[in-house]
Amino acid sequence: MLNGCYDCCPFAGEMSDAGEVFGEILNAVGAVRGGGELVNACFGLRISEHVVCGPCGQKATHISEYTEHIFTVSATAVMRQLRVSI
């Protein structure tokens, strides 16, 4: 639906869905000074994963921590906003 709607965008002409487009916007905002903290504060969910031993219940050394960015984008809403903006 968003294919080719913005000729000036780096992803114009690609079959990107609304989530991929918004992800690229978050990457661009995150690339400027202070942008990463802003993106994490608005869309970040801190994840901590670890392996637990079944028999003894002790945590293993396999620990992974990262921030997952959660967002839902309606392609219809984006297209409506585009029409209103033009």
PDB file of N, CA and C in Angstrom:
ATOM      1  N   MET A   1       0.814  -1.193   0.000  1.00  0.00           N
ATOM      2  CA  MET A   1       0.000   0.000   0.000  1.00  0.00           C
ATOM      3  C   MET A   1       0.863   1.266   0.000  1.00  0.00           C
ATOM      4  N   LEU A   2       1.983   1.249   0.720  1.00  0.00           N
ATOM      5  CA  LEU A   2       2.840   2.422   0.791  1.00  0.00           C
ATOM      6  C   LEU A   2       3.873   2.457  -0.326  1.00  0.00           C
ATOM      7  N   ASN A   3       3.886   1.444  -1.177  1.00  0.00           N
ATOM      8  CA  ASN A   3       4.883   1.333  -2.240  1.00  0.00           C
ATOM      9  C   ASN A   3       4.859   2.568  -3.137  1.00  0.00           C
ATOM     10  N   GLY A   4       5.942   3.325  -3.143  1.00  0.00           N
ATOM     11  CA  GLY A   4       6.097   4.463  -4.038  1.00  0.00           C
ATOM     12  C   GLY A   4       5.360   5.725  -3.629  1.00  0.00           C
ATOM     13  N   CYS A   5       4.800   5.804  -2.428  1.00  0.00           N
ATOM     14  CA  CYS A   5       4.016   6.988  -2.060  1.00  0.00           C
ATOM     15  C   CYS A   5       4.897   8.188  -1.754  1.00  0.00           C
ATOM     16  N   TYR A   6       6.150   7.975  -1.396  1.00  0.00           N
ATOM     17  CA  TYR A   6       7.079   9.068  -1.133  1.00  0.00           C
ATOM     18  C   TYR A   6       8.277   8.909  -2.058  1.00  0.00           C
ATOM     19  N   ASP A   7       8.404   9.767  -3.040  1.00  0.00           N
ATOM     20  CA  ASP A   7       9.531   9.667  -3.966  1.00  0.00           C
ATOM     21  C   ASP A   7      10.855  10.042  -3.322  1.00  0.00           C
ATOM     22  N   CYS A   8      10.826  10.829  -2.254  1.00  0.00           N
ATOM     23  CA  CYS A   8      12.065  11.288  -1.628  1.00  0.00           C
ATOM     24  C   CYS A   8      12.605  10.304  -0.584  1.00  0.00           C
ATOM     25  N   CYS A   9      11.853   9.285  -0.234  1.00  0.00           N
ATOM     26  CA  CYS A   9      12.270   8.344   0.802  1.00  0.00           C
ATOM     27  C   CYS A   9      13.233   7.306   0.246  1.00  0.00           C
ATOM     28  N   PRO A  10      14.196   6.854   1.063  1.00  0.00           N
ATOM     29  CA  PRO A  10      15.142   5.847   0.603  1.00  0.00           C
ATOM     30  C   PRO A  10      14.504   4.508   0.282  1.00  0.00           C
ATOM     31  N   PHE A  11      13.323   4.225   0.811  1.00  0.00           N
ATOM     32  CA  PHE A  11      12.664   2.948   0.563  1.00  0.00           C
ATOM     33  C   PHE A  11      11.575   3.052  -0.490  1.00  0.00           C
ATOM     34  N   ALA A  12      11.485   4.198  -1.191  1.00  0.00           N
ATOM     35  CA  ALA A  12      10.482   4.358  -2.249  1.00  0.00           C
ATOM     36  C   ALA A  12      10.729   3.318  -3.332  1.00  0.00           C
ATOM     37  N   GLY A  13       9.660   2.734  -3.826  1.00  0.00           N
ATOM     38  CA  GLY A  13       9.770   1.723  -4.860  1.00  0.00           C
ATOM     39  C   GLY A  13       9.956   0.323  -4.327  1.00  0.00           C
ATOM     40  N   GLU A  14      10.151   0.182  -3.019  1.00  0.00           N
ATOM     41  CA  GLU A  14      10.283  -1.130  -2.399  1.00  0.00           C
ATOM     42  C   GLU A  14       8.926  -1.568  -1.870  1.00  0.00           C
ATOM     43  N   MET A  15       8.798  -2.825  -1.596  1.00  0.00           N
ATOM     44  CA  MET A  15       7.545  -3.363  -1.059  1.00  0.00           C
ATOM     45  C   MET A  15       7.591  -3.361   0.471  1.00  0.00           C
ATOM     46  N   SER A  16       7.868  -2.223   1.051  1.00  0.00           N
ATOM     47  CA  SER A  16       7.935  -2.100   2.502  1.00  0.00           C
ATOM     48  C   SER A  16       6.537  -1.938   3.074  1.00  0.00           C
ATOM     49  N   ASP A  17       6.258  -2.635   4.169  1.00  0.00           N
ATOM     50  CA  ASP A  17       4.974  -2.420   4.814  1.00  0.00           C
ATOM     51  C   ASP A  17       5.119  -1.286   5.833  1.00  0.00           C
ATOM     52  N   ALA A  18       4.012  -0.903   6.433  1.00  0.00           N
ATOM     53  CA  ALA A  18       4.014   0.244   7.344  1.00  0.00           C
ATOM     54  C   ALA A  18       4.950   0.037   8.529  1.00  0.00           C
ATOM     55  N   GLY A  19       5.020  -1.183   9.052  1.00  0.00           N
ATOM     56  CA  GLY A  19       5.912  -1.466  10.172  1.00  0.00           C
ATOM     57  C   GLY A  19       7.368  -1.285   9.811  1.00  0.00           C
ATOM     58  N   GLU A  20       7.758  -1.722   8.610  1.00  0.00           N
ATOM     59  CA  GLU A  20       9.140  -1.556   8.164  1.00  0.00           C
ATOM     60  C   GLU A  20       9.469  -0.078   7.961  1.00  0.00           C
ATOM     61  N   VAL A  21       8.530   0.674   7.400  1.00  0.00           N
ATOM     62  CA  VAL A  21       8.741   2.114   7.198  1.00  0.00           C
ATOM     63  C   VAL A  21       8.916   2.803   8.544  1.00  0.00           C
ATOM     64  N   PHE A  22       8.042   2.492   9.509  1.00  0.00           N
ATOM     65  CA  PHE A  22       8.143   3.120  10.816  1.00  0.00           C
ATOM     66  C   PHE A  22       9.441   2.706  11.514  1.00  0.00           C
ATOM     67  N   GLY A  23       9.865   1.470  11.328  1.00  0.00           N
ATOM     68  CA  GLY A  23      11.146   1.025  11.879  1.00  0.00           C
ATOM     69  C   GLY A  23      12.302   1.831  11.339  1.00  0.00           C
ATOM     70  N   GLU A  24      12.266   2.157  10.057  1.00  0.00           N
ATOM     71  CA  GLU A  24      13.312   2.988   9.464  1.00  0.00           C
ATOM     72  C   GLU A  24      13.274   4.404  10.028  1.00  0.00           C
ATOM     73  N   ILE A  25      12.076   4.912  10.284  1.00  0.00           N
ATOM     74  CA  ILE A  25      11.951   6.240  10.911  1.00  0.00           C
ATOM     75  C   ILE A  25      12.567   6.205  12.307  1.00  0.00           C
ATOM     76  N   LEU A  26      12.272   5.150  13.085  1.00  0.00           N
ATOM     77  CA  LEU A  26      12.864   5.032  14.419  1.00  0.00           C
ATOM     78  C   LEU A  26      14.379   4.934  14.343  1.00  0.00           C
ATOM     79  N   ASN A  27      14.909   4.204  13.360  1.00  0.00           N
ATOM     80  CA  ASN A  27      16.359   4.115  13.185  1.00  0.00           C
ATOM     81  C   ASN A  27      16.960   5.480  12.892  1.00  0.00           C
ATOM     82  N   ALA A  28      16.298   6.275  12.049  1.00  0.00           N
ATOM     83  CA  ALA A  28      16.807   7.606  11.714  1.00  0.00           C
ATOM     84  C   ALA A  28      16.779   8.528  12.930  1.00  0.00           C
ATOM     85  N   VAL A  29      15.702   8.488  13.698  1.00  0.00           N
ATOM     86  CA  VAL A  29      15.617   9.310  14.915  1.00  0.00           C
ATOM     87  C   VAL A  29      16.664   8.854  15.918  1.00  0.00           C
ATOM     88  N   GLY A  30      16.840   7.539  16.049  1.00  0.00           N
ATOM     89  CA  GLY A  30      17.811   6.992  16.990  1.00  0.00           C
ATOM     90  C   GLY A  30      19.251   7.318  16.635  1.00  0.00           C
ATOM     91  N   ALA A  31      19.510   7.676  15.376  1.00  0.00           N
ATOM     92  CA  ALA A  31      20.875   7.952  14.932  1.00  0.00           C
ATOM     93  C   ALA A  31      21.374   9.343  15.341  1.00  0.00           C
ATOM     94  N   VAL A  32      20.477  10.244  15.697  1.00  0.00           N
ATOM     95  CA  VAL A  32      20.903  11.591  16.096  1.00  0.00           C
ATOM     96  C   VAL A  32      21.148  11.633  17.601  1.00  0.00           C
ATOM     97  N   ARG A  33      21.892  12.624  18.053  1.00  0.00           N
ATOM     98  CA  ARG A  33      22.219  12.732  19.476  1.00  0.00           C
ATOM     99  C   ARG A  33      20.945  12.836  20.310  1.00  0.00           C
ATOM    100  N   GLY A  34      20.812  11.973  21.282  1.00  0.00           N
ATOM    101  CA  GLY A  34      19.642  11.952  22.154  1.00  0.00           C
ATOM    102  C   GLY A  34      18.462  11.195  21.583  1.00  0.00           C
ATOM    103  N   GLY A  35      18.533  10.847  20.318  1.00  0.00           N
ATOM    104  CA  GLY A  35      17.416  10.170  19.666  1.00  0.00           C
ATOM    105  C   GLY A  35      17.197   8.758  20.163  1.00  0.00           C
ATOM    106  N   GLY A  36      18.299   8.056  20.462  1.00  0.00           N
ATOM    107  CA  GLY A  36      18.175   6.682  20.951  1.00  0.00           C
ATOM    108  C   GLY A  36      17.421   6.616  22.262  1.00  0.00           C
ATOM    109  N   GLU A  37      17.697   7.559  23.165  1.00  0.00           N
ATOM    110  CA  GLU A  37      16.997   7.592  24.448  1.00  0.00           C
ATOM    111  C   GLU A  37      15.514   7.917  24.244  1.00  0.00           C
ATOM    112  N   LEU A  38      15.235   8.809  23.298  1.00  0.00           N
ATOM    113  CA  LEU A  38      13.845   9.169  23.008  1.00  0.00           C
ATOM    114  C   LEU A  38      13.084   7.966  22.454  1.00  0.00           C
ATOM    115  N   VAL A  39      13.678   7.274  21.492  1.00  0.00           N
ATOM    116  CA  VAL A  39      13.031   6.099  20.902  1.00  0.00           C
ATOM    117  C   VAL A  39      12.811   5.031  21.965  1.00  0.00           C
ATOM    118  N   ASN A  40      13.815   4.769  22.804  1.00  0.00           N
ATOM    119  CA  ASN A  40      13.669   3.764  23.852  1.00  0.00           C
ATOM    120  C   ASN A  40      12.611   4.150  24.879  1.00  0.00           C
ATOM    121  N   ALA A  41      12.527   5.444  25.216  1.00  0.00           N
ATOM    122  CA  ALA A  41      11.539   5.894  26.199  1.00  0.00           C
ATOM    123  C   ALA A  41      10.112   5.760  25.657  1.00  0.00           C
ATOM    124  N   CYS A  42       9.925   6.013  24.373  1.00  0.00           N
ATOM    125  CA  CYS A  42       8.581   5.973  23.793  1.00  0.00           C
ATOM    126  C   CYS A  42       8.151   4.583  23.343  1.00  0.00           C
ATOM    127  N   PHE A  43       9.085   3.814  22.798  1.00  0.00           N
ATOM    128  CA  PHE A  43       8.726   2.544  22.167  1.00  0.00           C
ATOM    129  C   PHE A  43       9.490   1.342  22.702  1.00  0.00           C
ATOM    130  N   GLY A  44      10.402   1.555  23.657  1.00  0.00           N
ATOM    131  CA  GLY A  44      11.265   0.473  24.107  1.00  0.00           C
ATOM    132  C   GLY A  44      10.669  -0.385  25.203  1.00  0.00           C
ATOM    133  N   LEU A  45      10.924  -1.681  25.093  1.00  0.00           N
ATOM    134  CA  LEU A  45      10.553  -2.635  26.128  1.00  0.00           C
ATOM    135  C   LEU A  45      11.821  -3.406  26.466  1.00  0.00           C
ATOM    136  N   ARG A  46      12.322  -3.246  27.690  1.00  0.00           N
ATOM    137  CA  ARG A  46      13.565  -3.895  28.105  1.00  0.00           C
ATOM    138  C   ARG A  46      13.312  -5.381  28.320  1.00  0.00           C
ATOM    139  N   ILE A  47      14.081  -6.219  27.647  1.00  0.00           N
ATOM    140  CA  ILE A  47      13.935  -7.673  27.709  1.00  0.00           C
ATOM    141  C   ILE A  47      15.173  -8.266  28.364  1.00  0.00           C
ATOM    142  N   SER A  48      14.974  -9.201  29.278  1.00  0.00           N
ATOM    143  CA  SER A  48      16.064  -9.947  29.893  1.00  0.00           C
ATOM    144  C   SER A  48      15.712 -11.425  29.786  1.00  0.00           C
ATOM    145  N   GLU A  49      16.562 -12.180  29.100  1.00  0.00           N
ATOM    146  CA  GLU A  49      16.344 -13.609  28.912  1.00  0.00           C
ATOM    147  C   GLU A  49      17.451 -14.376  29.627  1.00  0.00           C
ATOM    148  N   HIS A  50      17.088 -15.486  30.238  1.00  0.00           N
ATOM    149  CA  HIS A  50      18.084 -16.334  30.872  1.00  0.00           C
ATOM    150  C   HIS A  50      17.604 -17.788  30.858  1.00  0.00           C
ATOM    151  N   VAL A  51      18.545 -18.672  31.010  1.00  0.00           N
ATOM    152  CA  VAL A  51      18.264 -20.102  31.020  1.00  0.00           C
ATOM    153  C   VAL A  51      18.210 -20.557  32.473  1.00  0.00           C
ATOM    154  N   VAL A  52      17.169 -21.293  32.825  1.00  0.00           N
ATOM    155  CA  VAL A  52      17.021 -21.812  34.181  1.00  0.00           C
ATOM    156  C   VAL A  52      17.128 -23.330  34.126  1.00  0.00           C
ATOM    157  N   CYS A  53      17.922 -23.876  35.005  1.00  0.00           N
ATOM    158  CA  CYS A  53      18.080 -25.330  35.121  1.00  0.00           C
ATOM    159  C   CYS A  53      16.776 -25.923  35.669  1.00  0.00           C
ATOM    160  N   GLY A  54      16.203 -26.856  34.931  1.00  0.00           N
ATOM    161  CA  GLY A  54      14.940 -27.472  35.348  1.00  0.00           C
ATOM    162  C   GLY A  54      15.011 -28.188  36.683  1.00  0.00           C
ATOM    163  N   PRO A  55      15.968 -29.091  36.873  1.00  0.00           N
ATOM    164  CA  PRO A  55      16.001 -29.863  38.123  1.00  0.00           C
ATOM    165  C   PRO A  55      16.304 -29.021  39.365  1.00  0.00           C
ATOM    166  N   CYS A  56      17.260 -28.082  39.256  1.00  0.00           N
ATOM    167  CA  CYS A  56      17.658 -27.354  40.470  1.00  0.00           C
ATOM    168  C   CYS A  56      17.106 -25.931  40.540  1.00  0.00           C
ATOM    169  N   GLY A  57      16.626 -25.376  39.424  1.00  0.00           N
ATOM    170  CA  GLY A  57      16.060 -24.030  39.433  1.00  0.00           C
ATOM    171  C   GLY A  57      17.074 -22.909  39.456  1.00  0.00           C
ATOM    172  N   GLN A  58      18.360 -23.226  39.354  1.00  0.00           N
ATOM    173  CA  GLN A  58      19.400 -22.199  39.356  1.00  0.00           C
ATOM    174  C   GLN A  58      19.533 -21.572  37.969  1.00  0.00           C
ATOM    175  N   LYS A  59      19.786 -20.249  37.932  1.00  0.00           N
ATOM    176  CA  LYS A  59      20.016 -19.567  36.667  1.00  0.00           C
ATOM    177  C   LYS A  59      21.350 -20.012  36.083  1.00  0.00           C
ATOM    178  N   ALA A  60      21.379 -20.209  34.799  1.00  0.00           N
ATOM    179  CA  ALA A  60      22.626 -20.538  34.114  1.00  0.00           C
ATOM    180  C   ALA A  60      23.332 -19.244  33.715  1.00  0.00           C
ATOM    181  N   THR A  61      24.459 -19.365  33.079  1.00  0.00           N
ATOM    182  CA  THR A  61      25.247 -18.199  32.687  1.00  0.00           C
ATOM    183  C   THR A  61      24.775 -17.582  31.378  1.00  0.00           C
ATOM    184  N   HIS A  62      23.812 -18.182  30.717  1.00  0.00           N
ATOM    185  CA  HIS A  62      23.323 -17.675  29.439  1.00  0.00           C
ATOM    186  C   HIS A  62      22.292 -16.575  29.691  1.00  0.00           C
ATOM    187  N   ILE A  63      22.751 -15.337  29.756  1.00  0.00           N
ATOM    188  CA  ILE A  63      21.870 -14.204  30.013  1.00  0.00           C
ATOM    189  C   ILE A  63      21.964 -13.247  28.833  1.00  0.00           C
ATOM    190  N   SER A  64      20.815 -12.806  28.343  1.00  0.00           N
ATOM    191  CA  SER A  64      20.766 -11.869  27.227  1.00  0.00           C
ATOM    192  C   SER A  64      19.824 -10.723  27.600  1.00  0.00           C
ATOM    193  N   GLU A  65      20.291  -9.493  27.440  1.00  0.00           N
ATOM    194  CA  GLU A  65      19.465  -8.320  27.717  1.00  0.00           C
ATOM    195  C   GLU A  65      19.497  -7.398  26.509  1.00  0.00           C
ATOM    196  N   TYR A  66      18.332  -6.895  26.139  1.00  0.00           N
ATOM    197  CA  TYR A  66      18.231  -5.990  24.998  1.00  0.00           C
ATOM    198  C   TYR A  66      16.924  -5.216  25.089  1.00  0.00           C
ATOM    199  N   THR A  67      16.781  -4.209  24.245  1.00  0.00           N
ATOM    200  CA  THR A  67      15.549  -3.430  24.176  1.00  0.00           C
ATOM    201  C   THR A  67      14.841  -3.767  22.882  1.00  0.00           C
ATOM    202  N   GLU A  68      13.603  -4.181  22.990  1.00  0.00           N
ATOM    203  CA  GLU A  68      12.768  -4.476  21.835  1.00  0.00           C
ATOM    204  C   GLU A  68      11.859  -3.274  21.613  1.00  0.00           C
ATOM    205  N   HIS A  69      11.736  -2.839  20.377  1.00  0.00           N
ATOM    206  CA  HIS A  69      10.869  -1.700  20.069  1.00  0.00           C
ATOM    207  C   HIS A  69       9.518  -2.213  19.591  1.00  0.00           C
ATOM    208  N   ILE A  70       8.477  -1.789  20.288  1.00  0.00           N
ATOM    209  CA  ILE A  70       7.122  -2.252  20.037  1.00  0.00           C
ATOM    210  C   ILE A  70       6.309  -1.096  19.462  1.00  0.00           C
ATOM    211  N   PHE A  71       5.680  -1.351  18.338  1.00  0.00           N
ATOM    212  CA  PHE A  71       4.793  -0.352  17.748  1.00  0.00           C
ATOM    213  C   PHE A  71       3.827  -1.039  16.807  1.00  0.00           C
ATOM    214  N   THR A  72       2.655  -0.452  16.667  1.00  0.00           N
ATOM    215  CA  THR A  72       1.648  -0.928  15.731  1.00  0.00           C
ATOM    216  C   THR A  72       1.295   0.235  14.827  1.00  0.00           C
ATOM    217  N   VAL A  73       1.357   0.005  13.539  1.00  0.00           N
ATOM    218  CA  VAL A  73       1.084   1.072  12.578  1.00  0.00           C
ATOM    219  C   VAL A  73      -0.015   0.610  11.636  1.00  0.00           C
ATOM    220  N   SER A  74      -0.994   1.431  11.444  1.00  0.00           N
ATOM    221  CA  SER A  74      -2.067   1.147  10.501  1.00  0.00           C
ATOM    222  C   SER A  74      -1.717   1.774   9.163  1.00  0.00           C
ATOM    223  N   ALA A  75      -1.568   0.957   8.130  1.00  0.00           N
ATOM    224  CA  ALA A  75      -1.244   1.480   6.797  1.00  0.00           C
ATOM    225  C   ALA A  75      -2.360   2.388   6.296  1.00  0.00           C
ATOM    226  N   THR A  76      -3.588   2.067   6.619  1.00  0.00           N
ATOM    227  CA  THR A  76      -4.711   2.904   6.196  1.00  0.00           C
ATOM    228  C   THR A  76      -4.616   4.291   6.821  1.00  0.00           C
ATOM    229  N   ALA A  77      -4.266   4.351   8.100  1.00  0.00           N
ATOM    230  CA  ALA A  77      -4.136   5.649   8.774  1.00  0.00           C
ATOM    231  C   ALA A  77      -2.995   6.463   8.176  1.00  0.00           C
ATOM    232  N   VAL A  78      -1.893   5.806   7.838  1.00  0.00           N
ATOM    233  CA  VAL A  78      -0.770   6.520   7.222  1.00  0.00           C
ATOM    234  C   VAL A  78      -1.186   7.099   5.881  1.00  0.00           C
ATOM    235  N   MET A  79      -1.883   6.318   5.075  1.00  0.00           N
ATOM    236  CA  MET A  79      -2.326   6.801   3.763  1.00  0.00           C
ATOM    237  C   MET A  79      -3.339   7.930   3.898  1.00  0.00           C
ATOM    238  N   ARG A  80      -4.241   7.840   4.857  1.00  0.00           N
ATOM    239  CA  ARG A  80      -5.199   8.936   5.083  1.00  0.00           C
ATOM    240  C   ARG A  80      -4.476  10.215   5.479  1.00  0.00           C
ATOM    241  N   GLN A  81      -3.469  10.091   6.352  1.00  0.00           N
ATOM    242  CA  GLN A  81      -2.708  11.265   6.776  1.00  0.00           C
ATOM    243  C   GLN A  81      -1.949  11.857   5.598  1.00  0.00           C
ATOM    244  N   LEU A  82      -1.417  11.010   4.746  1.00  0.00           N
ATOM    245  CA  LEU A  82      -0.705  11.476   3.555  1.00  0.00           C
ATOM    246  C   LEU A  82      -1.653  12.291   2.673  1.00  0.00           C
ATOM    247  N   ARG A  83      -2.844  11.804   2.469  1.00  0.00           N
ATOM    248  CA  ARG A  83      -3.833  12.518   1.639  1.00  0.00           C
ATOM    249  C   ARG A  83      -4.212  13.864   2.241  1.00  0.00           C
ATOM    250  N   VAL A  84      -4.324  13.927   3.567  1.00  0.00           N
ATOM    251  CA  VAL A  84      -4.682  15.173   4.251  1.00  0.00           C
ATOM    252  C   VAL A  84      -3.521  16.164   4.154  1.00  0.00           C
ATOM    253  N   SER A  85      -2.280  15.671   4.189  1.00  0.00           N
ATOM    254  CA  SER A  85      -1.109  16.537   4.196  1.00  0.00           C
ATOM    255  C   SER A  85      -0.817  17.158   2.831  1.00  0.00           C
ATOM    256  N   ILE A  86      -1.298  16.533   1.784  1.00  0.00           N
ATOM    257  CA  ILE A  86      -0.972  17.033   0.425  1.00  0.00           C
ATOM    258  C   ILE A  86      -1.873  18.138   0.002  1.00  0.00           C
TER     259      ILE A  86
END
